[in-house]
Amino acid sequence: MPIHVHVSKAESEMKFDLVYEGGKLLRIDIKKISGKETLSKNDINDAIELIKTHHEDICRKWTDFFVMGKQISVEKISKKI
């Protein structure tokens, strides 16, 4: 399972896979979630920018939860920073 984050807005939700190579973020792959509406193009672009800015924290929390089995706090972003 690749490192990923779910981004949702209203009834829309998509999964963003973070692909690393040599310890650096190489790309972000976007996946549709079955049964969910897709985000708008603008929302996708906003999500990508946010993920690029916070990818190290996302990676750390993902590893803590999925690899180390630690409890993590979910961060909900309710407006653009």
Protein backbone atom coordinates (compact mmCIF):
# COMPACT_ATOMS: atom_id res chain seq x y z
CA MET A 1 0.00 0.00 0.00
CA PRO A 2 1.58 3.31 -1.05
CA ILE A 3 1.73 6.31 1.25
CA HIS A 4 -1.50 8.16 0.61
CA VAL A 5 -3.91 10.75 1.89
CA HIS A 6 -7.65 11.13 1.34
CA VAL A 7 -9.00 14.55 0.41
CA SER A 8 -12.71 15.26 0.68
CA LYS A 9 -14.98 18.22 0.17
CA ALA A 10 -18.73 17.99 0.59
CA GLU A 11 -19.74 14.71 -1.13
CA SER A 12 -16.52 14.44 -3.15
CA GLU A 13 -13.45 12.45 -2.13
CA MET A 14 -10.28 11.27 -3.85
CA LYS A 15 -7.14 9.45 -2.82
CA PHE A 16 -3.70 10.94 -3.48
CA ASP A 17 -0.76 8.48 -3.53
CA LEU A 18 2.63 9.99 -2.72
CA VAL A 19 5.37 8.37 -4.79
CA TYR A 20 8.90 8.75 -3.44
CA GLU A 21 12.21 7.93 -5.05
CA GLY A 22 15.51 8.30 -3.24
CA GLY A 23 13.71 9.92 -0.31
CA LYS A 24 12.26 12.69 -2.47
CA LEU A 25 8.67 13.22 -3.52
CA LEU A 26 8.66 12.21 -7.18
CA ARG A 27 4.97 12.58 -8.01
CA ILE A 28 1.42 12.46 -6.68
CA ASP A 29 -0.94 9.95 -8.30
CA ILE A 30 -4.66 10.73 -8.03
CA LYS A 31 -7.18 7.93 -7.61
CA LYS A 32 -10.97 7.95 -7.80
CA ILE A 33 -12.77 6.31 -4.89
CA SER A 34 -15.57 3.97 -5.85
CA GLY A 35 -18.98 5.38 -4.94
CA LYS A 36 -17.69 8.91 -4.36
CA GLU A 37 -17.91 11.96 -6.58
CA THR A 38 -14.60 13.33 -7.85
CA LEU A 39 -13.21 16.64 -6.69
CA SER A 40 -13.33 19.59 -9.06
CA LYS A 41 -10.20 20.47 -11.04
CA ASN A 42 -9.62 23.50 -8.79
CA ASP A 43 -10.01 21.39 -5.64
CA ILE A 44 -7.58 18.80 -7.02
CA ASN A 45 -5.02 21.51 -7.77
CA ASP A 46 -5.47 23.00 -4.27
CA ALA A 47 -5.04 19.53 -2.73
CA ILE A 48 -1.86 18.87 -4.70
CA GLU A 49 -0.33 22.15 -3.56
CA LEU A 50 -1.27 21.42 0.05
CA ILE A 51 0.14 17.90 -0.17
CA LYS A 52 3.41 19.17 -1.69
CA THR A 53 3.74 21.63 1.18
CA HIS A 54 2.99 19.07 3.91
CA HIS A 55 4.21 15.80 2.36
CA GLU A 56 6.84 15.20 5.05
CA ASP A 57 4.22 15.39 7.83
CA ILE A 58 1.84 13.20 5.81
CA CYS A 59 4.58 10.61 5.29
CA ARG A 60 5.53 10.64 9.00
CA LYS A 61 1.93 10.20 10.16
CA TRP A 62 1.22 7.51 7.58
CA THR A 63 4.31 5.57 8.70
CA ASP A 64 3.44 6.04 12.38
CA PHE A 65 -0.06 4.67 11.80
CA PHE A 66 0.40 1.93 9.18
CA VAL A 67 3.92 0.74 10.02
CA MET A 68 4.44 1.52 13.70
CA GLY A 69 0.83 0.95 14.78
CA LYS A 70 0.70 4.24 16.67
CA GLN A 71 -2.43 6.27 17.26
CA ILE A 72 -2.34 9.53 15.34
CA SER A 73 -4.48 12.61 15.35
CA VAL A 74 -6.42 13.37 12.20
CA GLU A 75 -5.98 16.89 10.92
CA LYS A 76 -9.01 18.35 9.23
CA ILE A 77 -8.35 21.42 7.12
CA SER A 78 -11.59 23.32 6.70
CA LYS A 79 -10.31 26.27 4.71
CA LYS A 80 -7.45 27.09 2.40
CA ILE A 81 -4.32 28.25 4.23
